[in-house]
Amino acid sequence: METIILSPPVAFIAFLAIGYGIYRLGGAIAAPGKPHPGKRATYACGEDIPAQRVAPSYGAFLYLALLFAILHLAALVVATAPRDGASAWLATIYLAGIGVSVYALMGMQRPTD
């Protein structure tokens, strides 16, 4: 019985039910909102601006996301490598390659939008 309760599908369903119960309880005890026309209007520092001027560009975010992906994968590969002598040298060479790719990534021209 204990192995069935602790199995991942049953635990997932149990935590999903607990989370839904907390969500419903929070909705029941929360103060009711009143509709207002300015509630969903765009706002930036006290001035009304058209929505097309604040459309975000994710070009600069791409470089940071790629940098974190490279570094996290490098940490995963090195952390799971065996601890013998040959693997240590291969991990060092791999980290040197990662360093070169991070250096190249940091030197790239970033869009300024």
N, C-alpha and C. Protein backbone atom coordinates (compact mmCIF):
# COMPACT_ATOMS: atom_id res chain seq x y z
N MET A 1 0.82 -1.20 0.00
CA MET A 1 0.00 0.00 0.00
C MET A 1 0.86 1.25 0.00
N GLU A 2 1.96 1.22 0.78
CA GLU A 2 2.84 2.39 0.87
C GLU A 2 3.51 2.68 -0.47
N THR A 3 3.88 1.65 -1.22
CA THR A 3 4.53 1.86 -2.51
C THR A 3 3.56 2.44 -3.53
N ILE A 4 2.28 2.11 -3.42
CA ILE A 4 1.29 2.66 -4.34
C ILE A 4 1.07 4.14 -4.05
N ILE A 5 0.99 4.51 -2.79
CA ILE A 5 0.75 5.91 -2.43
C ILE A 5 1.95 6.77 -2.81
N LEU A 6 3.16 6.23 -2.69
CA LEU A 6 4.35 7.01 -2.99
C LEU A 6 4.78 6.93 -4.45
N SER A 7 4.03 6.24 -5.29
CA SER A 7 4.38 6.19 -6.70
C SER A 7 4.16 7.56 -7.34
N PRO A 8 4.97 7.93 -8.32
CA PRO A 8 4.86 9.28 -8.90
C PRO A 8 3.49 9.65 -9.47
N PRO A 9 2.79 8.77 -10.20
CA PRO A 9 1.48 9.19 -10.71
C PRO A 9 0.46 9.47 -9.60
N VAL A 10 0.44 8.62 -8.57
CA VAL A 10 -0.51 8.83 -7.47
C VAL A 10 -0.13 10.08 -6.68
N ALA A 11 1.16 10.28 -6.43
CA ALA A 11 1.60 11.48 -5.71
C ALA A 11 1.28 12.73 -6.52
N PHE A 12 1.46 12.69 -7.83
CA PHE A 12 1.14 13.83 -8.68
C PHE A 12 -0.34 14.18 -8.60
N ILE A 13 -1.19 13.18 -8.70
CA ILE A 13 -2.63 13.42 -8.62
C ILE A 13 -3.01 13.95 -7.24
N ALA A 14 -2.39 13.43 -6.19
CA ALA A 14 -2.69 13.91 -4.84
C ALA A 14 -2.28 15.38 -4.68
N PHE A 15 -1.08 15.74 -5.12
CA PHE A 15 -0.63 17.12 -5.01
C PHE A 15 -1.42 18.05 -5.93
N LEU A 16 -1.85 17.54 -7.07
CA LEU A 16 -2.71 18.33 -7.96
C LEU A 16 -4.04 18.62 -7.29
N ALA A 17 -4.61 17.63 -6.62
CA ALA A 17 -5.87 17.82 -5.89
C ALA A 17 -5.68 18.79 -4.72
N ILE A 18 -4.58 18.69 -4.00
CA ILE A 18 -4.31 19.62 -2.89
C ILE A 18 -4.15 21.04 -3.42
N GLY A 19 -3.40 21.21 -4.51
CA GLY A 19 -3.22 22.53 -5.10
C GLY A 19 -4.52 23.13 -5.59
N TYR A 20 -5.36 22.31 -6.22
CA TYR A 20 -6.66 22.80 -6.68
C TYR A 20 -7.54 23.19 -5.49
N GLY A 21 -7.48 22.42 -4.42
CA GLY A 21 -8.25 22.76 -3.23
C GLY A 21 -7.81 24.08 -2.62
N ILE A 22 -6.49 24.32 -2.56
CA ILE A 22 -5.99 25.60 -2.05
C ILE A 22 -6.41 26.75 -2.97
N TYR A 23 -6.38 26.51 -4.27
CA TYR A 23 -6.82 27.53 -5.23
C TYR A 23 -8.29 27.88 -5.02
N ARG A 24 -9.12 26.88 -4.88
CA ARG A 24 -10.56 27.13 -4.68
C ARG A 24 -10.82 27.80 -3.33
N LEU A 25 -10.11 27.40 -2.30
CA LEU A 25 -10.26 28.01 -1.00
C LEU A 25 -9.84 29.48 -1.03
N GLY A 26 -8.75 29.78 -1.71
CA GLY A 26 -8.32 31.17 -1.86
C GLY A 26 -9.33 32.00 -2.61
N GLY A 27 -9.95 31.42 -3.64
CA GLY A 27 -10.97 32.14 -4.39
C GLY A 27 -12.23 32.38 -3.56
N ALA A 28 -12.52 31.46 -2.66
CA ALA A 28 -13.73 31.60 -1.83
C ALA A 28 -13.56 32.67 -0.75
N ILE A 29 -12.34 32.81 -0.22
CA ILE A 29 -12.16 33.78 0.86
C ILE A 29 -11.63 35.13 0.38
N ALA A 30 -11.31 35.25 -0.91
CA ALA A 30 -10.80 36.52 -1.44
C ALA A 30 -11.93 37.53 -1.59
N ALA A 31 -11.57 38.80 -1.51
CA ALA A 31 -12.56 39.86 -1.70
C ALA A 31 -12.97 39.90 -3.17
N PRO A 32 -14.26 40.08 -3.44
CA PRO A 32 -14.68 40.13 -4.84
C PRO A 32 -14.19 41.42 -5.50
N GLY A 33 -13.74 41.29 -6.73
CA GLY A 33 -13.27 42.45 -7.47
C GLY A 33 -14.42 43.17 -8.16
N LYS A 34 -14.22 44.45 -8.39
CA LYS A 34 -15.22 45.24 -9.09
C LYS A 34 -14.68 45.59 -10.47
N PRO A 35 -15.49 45.41 -11.53
CA PRO A 35 -15.00 45.75 -12.87
C PRO A 35 -14.81 47.26 -13.01
N HIS A 36 -13.72 47.64 -13.63
CA HIS A 36 -13.41 49.05 -13.85
C HIS A 36 -12.78 49.17 -15.24
N PRO A 37 -13.15 50.20 -16.01
CA PRO A 37 -12.62 50.28 -17.38
C PRO A 37 -11.10 50.50 -17.44
N GLY A 38 -10.50 51.12 -16.45
CA GLY A 38 -9.08 51.36 -16.48
C GLY A 38 -8.24 50.23 -15.90
N LYS A 39 -8.90 49.15 -15.51
CA LYS A 39 -8.20 48.05 -14.85
C LYS A 39 -7.20 47.36 -15.77
N ARG A 40 -7.55 47.23 -17.02
CA ARG A 40 -6.69 46.54 -17.97
C ARG A 40 -6.05 47.47 -18.99
N ALA A 41 -6.08 48.76 -18.74
CA ALA A 41 -5.48 49.73 -19.65
C ALA A 41 -3.96 49.71 -19.50
N THR A 42 -3.25 50.02 -20.60
CA THR A 42 -1.80 50.08 -20.52
C THR A 42 -1.38 51.29 -19.70
N TYR A 43 -0.30 51.14 -18.96
CA TYR A 43 0.16 52.19 -18.06
C TYR A 43 1.67 52.11 -17.95
N ALA A 44 2.33 53.24 -18.10
CA ALA A 44 3.78 53.28 -17.94
C ALA A 44 4.17 54.63 -17.37
N CYS A 45 4.52 54.68 -16.13
CA CYS A 45 5.02 55.87 -15.46
C CYS A 45 4.06 57.04 -15.53
N GLY A 46 2.81 56.78 -15.48
CA GLY A 46 1.82 57.85 -15.41
C GLY A 46 1.33 58.36 -16.75
N GLU A 47 1.84 57.86 -17.85
CA GLU A 47 1.37 58.34 -19.14
C GLU A 47 0.75 57.20 -19.93
N ASP A 48 -0.26 57.53 -20.68
CA ASP A 48 -0.90 56.54 -21.54
C ASP A 48 -0.07 56.40 -22.81
N ILE A 49 0.26 55.17 -23.15
CA ILE A 49 1.05 54.93 -24.34
C ILE A 49 0.36 53.90 -25.21
N PRO A 50 0.53 53.99 -26.51
CA PRO A 50 -0.08 52.98 -27.37
C PRO A 50 0.62 51.63 -27.20
N ALA A 51 -0.12 50.56 -27.36
CA ALA A 51 0.40 49.22 -27.08
C ALA A 51 1.53 48.83 -28.02
N GLN A 52 1.55 49.31 -29.24
CA GLN A 52 2.60 48.89 -30.17
C GLN A 52 3.97 49.45 -29.80
N ARG A 53 4.05 50.50 -29.01
CA ARG A 53 5.34 51.07 -28.62
C ARG A 53 6.01 50.27 -27.51
N VAL A 54 5.28 49.45 -26.80
CA VAL A 54 5.86 48.70 -25.70
C VAL A 54 5.96 47.21 -26.00
N ALA A 55 5.87 46.84 -27.26
CA ALA A 55 5.99 45.43 -27.63
C ALA A 55 7.41 44.97 -27.33
N PRO A 56 7.58 43.96 -26.49
CA PRO A 56 8.93 43.54 -26.11
C PRO A 56 9.65 42.82 -27.24
N SER A 57 10.94 42.96 -27.25
CA SER A 57 11.78 42.23 -28.19
C SER A 57 12.67 41.29 -27.38
N TYR A 58 12.71 40.07 -27.78
CA TYR A 58 13.46 39.08 -27.02
C TYR A 58 14.81 38.79 -27.65
N GLY A 59 15.26 39.65 -28.54
CA GLY A 59 16.56 39.44 -29.19
C GLY A 59 17.71 39.46 -28.21
N ALA A 60 17.73 40.42 -27.30
CA ALA A 60 18.81 40.50 -26.32
C ALA A 60 18.71 39.38 -25.29
N PHE A 61 17.52 38.92 -25.00
CA PHE A 61 17.32 37.84 -24.03
C PHE A 61 17.88 36.52 -24.56
N LEU A 62 17.90 36.36 -25.88
CA LEU A 62 18.38 35.13 -26.49
C LEU A 62 19.83 34.85 -26.09
N TYR A 63 20.67 35.87 -26.07
CA TYR A 63 22.07 35.67 -25.73
C TYR A 63 22.22 35.21 -24.28
N LEU A 64 21.48 35.80 -23.38
CA LEU A 64 21.56 35.40 -21.99
C LEU A 64 21.03 33.98 -21.80
N ALA A 65 19.95 33.64 -22.46
CA ALA A 65 19.40 32.29 -22.36
C ALA A 65 20.37 31.26 -22.92
N LEU A 66 21.02 31.59 -24.03
CA LEU A 66 21.98 30.67 -24.62
C LEU A 66 23.20 30.51 -23.71
N LEU A 67 23.64 31.60 -23.09
CA LEU A 67 24.76 31.52 -22.16
C LEU A 67 24.43 30.60 -20.98
N PHE A 68 23.28 30.76 -20.38
CA PHE A 68 22.89 29.91 -19.26
C PHE A 68 22.72 28.46 -19.69
N ALA A 69 22.19 28.23 -20.88
CA ALA A 69 22.04 26.86 -21.36
C ALA A 69 23.40 26.19 -21.52
N ILE A 70 24.35 26.91 -22.11
CA ILE A 70 25.69 26.34 -22.30
C ILE A 70 26.34 26.03 -20.96
N LEU A 71 26.26 26.97 -20.02
CA LEU A 71 26.91 26.76 -18.73
C LEU A 71 26.24 25.65 -17.92
N HIS A 72 24.93 25.56 -17.96
CA HIS A 72 24.25 24.51 -17.22
C HIS A 72 24.53 23.13 -17.82
N LEU A 73 24.58 23.03 -19.14
CA LEU A 73 24.91 21.75 -19.75
C LEU A 73 26.35 21.36 -19.46
N ALA A 74 27.25 22.34 -19.43
CA ALA A 74 28.64 22.03 -19.08
C ALA A 74 28.73 21.52 -17.66
N ALA A 75 28.02 22.15 -16.74
CA ALA A 75 28.04 21.69 -15.35
C ALA A 75 27.46 20.28 -15.25
N LEU A 76 26.41 19.99 -15.99
CA LEU A 76 25.81 18.66 -15.97
C LEU A 76 26.77 17.60 -16.50
N VAL A 77 27.43 17.90 -17.60
CA VAL A 77 28.35 16.93 -18.20
C VAL A 77 29.54 16.67 -17.28
N VAL A 78 30.11 17.75 -16.73
CA VAL A 78 31.28 17.57 -15.86
C VAL A 78 30.90 16.89 -14.55
N ALA A 79 29.74 17.21 -14.01
CA ALA A 79 29.32 16.61 -12.74
C ALA A 79 29.02 15.12 -12.87
N THR A 80 28.62 14.68 -14.04
CA THR A 80 28.27 13.27 -14.21
C THR A 80 29.41 12.46 -14.85
N ALA A 81 30.54 13.10 -15.09
CA ALA A 81 31.68 12.38 -15.68
C ALA A 81 32.33 11.50 -14.62
N PRO A 82 32.87 10.36 -15.02
CA PRO A 82 33.59 9.52 -14.06
C PRO A 82 34.82 10.24 -13.52
N ARG A 83 35.33 9.80 -12.38
CA ARG A 83 36.43 10.48 -11.69
C ARG A 83 37.80 9.88 -12.01
N ASP A 84 37.93 9.05 -13.02
CA ASP A 84 39.24 8.50 -13.32
C ASP A 84 40.10 9.51 -14.09
N GLY A 85 41.34 9.19 -14.35
CA GLY A 85 42.29 10.13 -14.93
C GLY A 85 41.94 10.58 -16.35
N ALA A 86 41.57 9.65 -17.21
CA ALA A 86 41.28 9.99 -18.60
C ALA A 86 40.04 10.88 -18.69
N SER A 87 39.05 10.58 -17.92
CA SER A 87 37.83 11.39 -17.95
C SER A 87 38.07 12.79 -17.40
N ALA A 88 38.96 12.92 -16.45
CA ALA A 88 39.28 14.24 -15.92
C ALA A 88 39.92 15.11 -16.99
N TRP A 89 40.81 14.51 -17.79
CA TRP A 89 41.41 15.28 -18.88
C TRP A 89 40.38 15.64 -19.94
N LEU A 90 39.49 14.71 -20.26
CA LEU A 90 38.44 15.01 -21.24
C LEU A 90 37.50 16.11 -20.71
N ALA A 91 37.19 16.09 -19.43
CA ALA A 91 36.34 17.13 -18.84
C ALA A 91 37.04 18.48 -18.88
N THR A 92 38.36 18.49 -18.67
CA THR A 92 39.11 19.74 -18.75
C THR A 92 39.11 20.29 -20.17
N ILE A 93 39.31 19.43 -21.15
CA ILE A 93 39.26 19.86 -22.55
C ILE A 93 37.86 20.35 -22.91
N TYR A 94 36.85 19.65 -22.42
CA TYR A 94 35.45 20.07 -22.66
C TYR A 94 35.19 21.44 -22.05
N LEU A 95 35.67 21.66 -20.83
CA LEU A 95 35.47 22.97 -20.19
C LEU A 95 36.23 24.06 -20.93
N ALA A 96 37.39 23.75 -21.49
CA ALA A 96 38.11 24.74 -22.30
C ALA A 96 37.30 25.10 -23.54
N GLY A 97 36.68 24.12 -24.16
CA GLY A 97 35.81 24.39 -25.32
C GLY A 97 34.60 25.22 -24.94
N ILE A 98 34.03 24.93 -23.78
CA ILE A 98 32.91 25.73 -23.29
C ILE A 98 33.36 27.16 -23.03
N GLY A 99 34.55 27.32 -22.48
CA GLY A 99 35.08 28.67 -22.24
C GLY A 99 35.23 29.45 -23.53
N VAL A 100 35.71 28.79 -24.58
CA VAL A 100 35.84 29.46 -25.88
C VAL A 100 34.47 29.85 -26.42
N SER A 101 33.50 28.96 -26.30
CA SER A 101 32.16 29.29 -26.83
C SER A 101 31.50 30.40 -26.02
N VAL A 102 31.72 30.43 -24.71
CA VAL A 102 31.17 31.52 -23.90
C VAL A 102 31.86 32.83 -24.24
N TYR A 103 33.18 32.78 -24.45
CA TYR A 103 33.91 33.99 -24.85
C TYR A 103 33.40 34.51 -26.20
N ALA A 104 33.16 33.60 -27.15
CA ALA A 104 32.62 34.00 -28.45
C ALA A 104 31.21 34.57 -28.31
N LEU A 105 30.43 33.96 -27.46
CA LEU A 105 29.06 34.44 -27.26
C LEU A 105 29.04 35.83 -26.63
N MET A 106 29.92 36.06 -25.68
CA MET A 106 29.97 37.37 -25.04
C MET A 106 30.52 38.44 -25.97
N GLY A 107 31.29 38.05 -26.95
CA GLY A 107 31.86 39.01 -27.90
C GLY A 107 30.96 39.31 -29.08
N MET A 108 29.85 38.61 -29.20
CA MET A 108 28.94 38.83 -30.33
C MET A 108 28.25 40.18 -30.22
N GLN A 109 27.91 40.73 -31.37
CA GLN A 109 27.18 42.00 -31.41
C GLN A 109 25.72 41.73 -31.01
N ARG A 110 25.27 42.37 -29.95
CA ARG A 110 23.91 42.18 -29.48
C ARG A 110 23.00 43.23 -30.08
N PRO A 111 21.78 42.85 -30.45
CA PRO A 111 20.84 43.86 -30.95
C PRO A 111 20.41 44.79 -29.82
N THR A 112 20.34 46.06 -30.12
CA THR A 112 19.97 47.03 -29.09
C THR A 112 18.51 47.42 -29.17
N ASP A 113 17.81 47.06 -30.21
CA ASP A 113 16.38 47.36 -30.37
C ASP A 113 16.12 48.81 -30.12
